[in-house]
Amino acid sequence: MDNNKVNYAEVIARLMMILVGFIIVMLGFITFIHSGEHRTLGVLISFGGVAAMFMGVPDNDWTNTRTFWVAHKKQSWTTWEAKD
């Protein structure tokens, strides 16, 4: 199976998730600054935006990709050992 194909739908969805999260953070910040009674609500809205932004960031699970295993097969284990 070829893992080098770019899934454009996923890329666009992740970019939109980051953008929407940033907008939610800004709305929460504006609510926090301009509201005397609803400061806690502004903090909660901002936290939700930060969580949405982190959900849009790609995973760092690079050990399952094809390029990792191809590079790993080319390197011999003797190069990792200390040389005298």
N, C-alpha and C. Protein backbone atom coordinates (compact mmCIF):
# COMPACT_ATOMS: atom_id res chain seq x y z
N MET A 1 0.84 -1.16 0.00
CA MET A 1 0.00 0.00 0.00
C MET A 1 0.90 1.24 0.00
N ASP A 2 0.52 2.23 -0.75
CA ASP A 2 1.33 3.44 -0.88
C ASP A 2 0.83 4.50 0.09
N ASN A 3 1.62 4.82 1.11
CA ASN A 3 1.24 5.82 2.10
C ASN A 3 1.70 7.22 1.74
N ASN A 4 2.30 7.40 0.57
CA ASN A 4 2.83 8.71 0.20
C ASN A 4 1.80 9.60 -0.46
N LYS A 5 0.58 9.12 -0.65
CA LYS A 5 -0.47 9.93 -1.25
C LYS A 5 -0.96 10.97 -0.25
N VAL A 6 -1.24 12.16 -0.75
CA VAL A 6 -1.73 13.24 0.11
C VAL A 6 -3.25 13.19 0.10
N ASN A 7 -3.84 13.13 1.27
CA ASN A 7 -5.29 13.16 1.41
C ASN A 7 -5.71 14.62 1.56
N TYR A 8 -6.08 15.24 0.44
CA TYR A 8 -6.37 16.67 0.45
C TYR A 8 -7.59 17.01 1.30
N ALA A 9 -8.55 16.13 1.37
CA ALA A 9 -9.72 16.39 2.21
C ALA A 9 -9.33 16.49 3.68
N GLU A 10 -8.43 15.61 4.10
CA GLU A 10 -7.98 15.65 5.49
C GLU A 10 -7.14 16.89 5.77
N VAL A 11 -6.32 17.29 4.82
CA VAL A 11 -5.50 18.49 4.99
C VAL A 11 -6.38 19.72 5.13
N ILE A 12 -7.38 19.84 4.26
CA ILE A 12 -8.29 20.99 4.31
C ILE A 12 -9.10 20.96 5.60
N ALA A 13 -9.55 19.79 6.02
CA ALA A 13 -10.32 19.68 7.27
C ALA A 13 -9.48 20.08 8.47
N ARG A 14 -8.21 19.67 8.48
CA ARG A 14 -7.34 20.03 9.62
C ARG A 14 -7.05 21.53 9.63
N LEU A 15 -6.83 22.11 8.45
CA LEU A 15 -6.61 23.56 8.39
C LEU A 15 -7.84 24.33 8.85
N MET A 16 -9.01 23.85 8.45
CA MET A 16 -10.24 24.51 8.88
C MET A 16 -10.45 24.35 10.38
N MET A 17 -10.08 23.20 10.93
CA MET A 17 -10.20 22.99 12.37
C MET A 17 -9.30 23.96 13.14
N ILE A 18 -8.09 24.15 12.65
CA ILE A 18 -7.18 25.10 13.30
C ILE A 18 -7.72 26.52 13.19
N LEU A 19 -8.24 26.88 12.03
CA LEU A 19 -8.79 28.21 11.83
C LEU A 19 -10.02 28.45 12.70
N VAL A 20 -10.92 27.50 12.77
CA VAL A 20 -12.11 27.64 13.61
C VAL A 20 -11.72 27.71 15.08
N GLY A 21 -10.75 26.90 15.49
CA GLY A 21 -10.27 26.97 16.87
C GLY A 21 -9.69 28.32 17.20
N PHE A 22 -8.93 28.90 16.27
CA PHE A 22 -8.37 30.24 16.49
C PHE A 22 -9.47 31.29 16.61
N ILE A 23 -10.50 31.18 15.78
CA ILE A 23 -11.62 32.12 15.86
C ILE A 23 -12.35 31.98 17.19
N ILE A 24 -12.54 30.75 17.66
CA ILE A 24 -13.20 30.53 18.94
C ILE A 24 -12.36 31.09 20.08
N VAL A 25 -11.03 30.94 20.01
CA VAL A 25 -10.16 31.52 21.04
C VAL A 25 -10.32 33.04 21.07
N MET A 26 -10.35 33.66 19.91
CA MET A 26 -10.51 35.12 19.86
C MET A 26 -11.86 35.55 20.40
N LEU A 27 -12.92 34.82 20.09
CA LEU A 27 -14.24 35.15 20.64
C LEU A 27 -14.26 35.00 22.16
N GLY A 28 -13.61 33.96 22.66
CA GLY A 28 -13.52 33.79 24.11
C GLY A 28 -12.72 34.89 24.76
N PHE A 29 -11.64 35.33 24.11
CA PHE A 29 -10.84 36.43 24.64
C PHE A 29 -11.63 37.74 24.65
N ILE A 30 -12.37 37.99 23.58
CA ILE A 30 -13.20 39.20 23.52
C ILE A 30 -14.28 39.15 24.60
N THR A 31 -14.89 38.00 24.80
CA THR A 31 -15.89 37.84 25.86
C THR A 31 -15.27 38.09 27.23
N PHE A 32 -14.07 37.59 27.44
CA PHE A 32 -13.39 37.77 28.73
C PHE A 32 -13.06 39.25 28.98
N ILE A 33 -12.60 39.95 27.97
CA ILE A 33 -12.17 41.34 28.14
C ILE A 33 -13.36 42.28 28.30
N HIS A 34 -14.40 42.12 27.50
CA HIS A 34 -15.47 43.10 27.43
C HIS A 34 -16.68 42.77 28.29
N SER A 35 -16.63 41.70 29.03
CA SER A 35 -17.77 41.33 29.86
C SER A 35 -17.36 41.33 31.32
N GLY A 36 -18.11 42.05 32.12
CA GLY A 36 -17.81 42.08 33.55
C GLY A 36 -18.33 40.87 34.27
N GLU A 37 -19.43 40.32 33.79
CA GLU A 37 -20.09 39.21 34.49
C GLU A 37 -19.69 37.84 33.96
N HIS A 38 -19.25 37.77 32.73
CA HIS A 38 -19.06 36.48 32.08
C HIS A 38 -17.59 36.17 31.80
N ARG A 39 -16.72 36.48 32.73
CA ARG A 39 -15.30 36.20 32.54
C ARG A 39 -15.02 34.69 32.53
N THR A 40 -15.68 33.96 33.38
CA THR A 40 -15.48 32.51 33.41
C THR A 40 -15.92 31.88 32.08
N LEU A 41 -17.01 32.38 31.53
CA LEU A 41 -17.47 31.89 30.24
C LEU A 41 -16.45 32.18 29.15
N GLY A 42 -15.83 33.35 29.18
CA GLY A 42 -14.80 33.68 28.20
C GLY A 42 -13.60 32.75 28.29
N VAL A 43 -13.20 32.41 29.51
CA VAL A 43 -12.08 31.48 29.69
C VAL A 43 -12.45 30.09 29.16
N LEU A 44 -13.67 29.64 29.43
CA LEU A 44 -14.11 28.33 28.95
C LEU A 44 -14.20 28.29 27.43
N ILE A 45 -14.68 29.37 26.83
CA ILE A 45 -14.76 29.43 25.37
C ILE A 45 -13.34 29.40 24.77
N SER A 46 -12.43 30.14 25.38
CA SER A 46 -11.04 30.13 24.89
C SER A 46 -10.41 28.76 25.03
N PHE A 47 -10.68 28.08 26.13
CA PHE A 47 -10.15 26.73 26.31
C PHE A 47 -10.69 25.79 25.24
N GLY A 48 -11.97 25.92 24.92
CA GLY A 48 -12.55 25.10 23.86
C GLY A 48 -11.90 25.37 22.51
N GLY A 49 -11.56 26.63 22.25
CA GLY A 49 -10.87 26.97 21.00
C GLY A 49 -9.48 26.38 20.94
N VAL A 50 -8.77 26.42 22.06
CA VAL A 50 -7.42 25.83 22.10
C VAL A 50 -7.51 24.32 21.90
N ALA A 51 -8.50 23.70 22.52
CA ALA A 51 -8.69 22.25 22.33
C ALA A 51 -8.99 21.93 20.87
N ALA A 52 -9.81 22.76 20.21
CA ALA A 52 -10.12 22.53 18.80
C ALA A 52 -8.88 22.72 17.94
N MET A 53 -8.04 23.68 18.28
CA MET A 53 -6.80 23.89 17.53
C MET A 53 -5.88 22.69 17.67
N PHE A 54 -5.77 22.14 18.88
CA PHE A 54 -4.90 20.98 19.07
C PHE A 54 -5.46 19.73 18.39
N MET A 55 -6.78 19.65 18.22
CA MET A 55 -7.35 18.51 17.49
C MET A 55 -7.05 18.60 16.00
N GLY A 56 -6.79 19.82 15.50
CA GLY A 56 -6.48 19.99 14.09
C GLY A 56 -5.02 19.77 13.75
N VAL A 57 -4.16 19.73 14.75
CA VAL A 57 -2.74 19.52 14.52
C VAL A 57 -2.51 18.05 14.15
N PRO A 58 -1.70 17.77 13.14
CA PRO A 58 -1.48 16.37 12.75
C PRO A 58 -0.82 15.56 13.86
N ASP A 59 -1.06 14.25 13.83
CA ASP A 59 -0.46 13.34 14.81
C ASP A 59 1.03 13.20 14.56
N ASN A 60 1.76 12.89 15.60
CA ASN A 60 3.20 12.71 15.49
C ASN A 60 3.56 11.22 15.51
N ASP A 61 2.69 10.40 14.99
CA ASP A 61 2.93 8.96 14.97
C ASP A 61 3.62 8.60 13.66
N TRP A 62 4.89 8.95 13.55
CA TRP A 62 5.63 8.77 12.30
C TRP A 62 6.24 7.39 12.17
N THR A 63 6.09 6.54 13.18
CA THR A 63 6.66 5.20 13.09
C THR A 63 5.84 4.29 12.19
N ASN A 64 4.62 4.65 11.89
CA ASN A 64 3.77 3.81 11.04
C ASN A 64 3.86 4.19 9.57
N THR A 65 4.61 5.20 9.24
CA THR A 65 4.68 5.62 7.85
C THR A 65 5.64 4.75 7.06
N ARG A 66 5.46 4.73 5.78
CA ARG A 66 6.28 3.90 4.91
C ARG A 66 7.71 4.41 4.86
N THR A 67 7.91 5.72 4.89
CA THR A 67 9.26 6.27 4.77
C THR A 67 10.13 5.88 5.96
N PHE A 68 9.53 5.76 7.16
CA PHE A 68 10.30 5.35 8.32
C PHE A 68 10.84 3.94 8.14
N TRP A 69 9.99 3.02 7.66
CA TRP A 69 10.42 1.63 7.55
C TRP A 69 11.39 1.43 6.40
N VAL A 70 11.24 2.18 5.33
CA VAL A 70 12.20 2.08 4.22
C VAL A 70 13.56 2.57 4.67
N ALA A 71 13.60 3.70 5.38
CA ALA A 71 14.87 4.23 5.87
C ALA A 71 15.48 3.30 6.93
N HIS A 72 14.63 2.65 7.70
CA HIS A 72 15.10 1.76 8.75
C HIS A 72 15.73 0.49 8.18
N LYS A 73 15.20 0.01 7.07
CA LYS A 73 15.74 -1.19 6.45
C LYS A 73 17.10 -0.93 5.79
N LYS A 74 17.31 0.29 5.33
CA LYS A 74 18.57 0.61 4.66
C LYS A 74 19.72 0.74 5.64
N GLN A 75 19.43 1.06 6.89
CA GLN A 75 20.49 1.29 7.86
C GLN A 75 20.78 0.00 8.62
N SER A 76 22.03 -0.36 8.68
CA SER A 76 22.37 -1.58 9.41
C SER A 76 22.55 -1.27 10.89
N TRP A 77 22.37 -2.27 11.71
CA TRP A 77 22.47 -2.06 13.15
C TRP A 77 23.92 -1.87 13.60
N THR A 78 24.87 -2.20 12.78
CA THR A 78 26.26 -2.04 13.19
C THR A 78 26.65 -0.56 13.24
N THR A 79 25.95 0.30 12.55
CA THR A 79 26.28 1.71 12.61
C THR A 79 25.92 2.33 13.95
N TRP A 80 25.03 1.69 14.68
CA TRP A 80 24.63 2.21 16.00
C TRP A 80 25.63 1.86 17.09
N GLU A 81 26.46 0.86 16.84
CA GLU A 81 27.39 0.42 17.86
C GLU A 81 28.59 1.36 17.92
N ALA A 82 29.17 1.45 19.09
CA ALA A 82 30.35 2.29 19.25
C ALA A 82 31.56 1.60 18.60
N LYS A 83 32.33 2.39 17.90
CA LYS A 83 33.50 1.83 17.22
C LYS A 83 34.75 2.08 18.06
N ASP A 84 35.65 1.10 18.08
CA ASP A 84 36.88 1.22 18.88
C ASP A 84 37.96 1.96 18.13
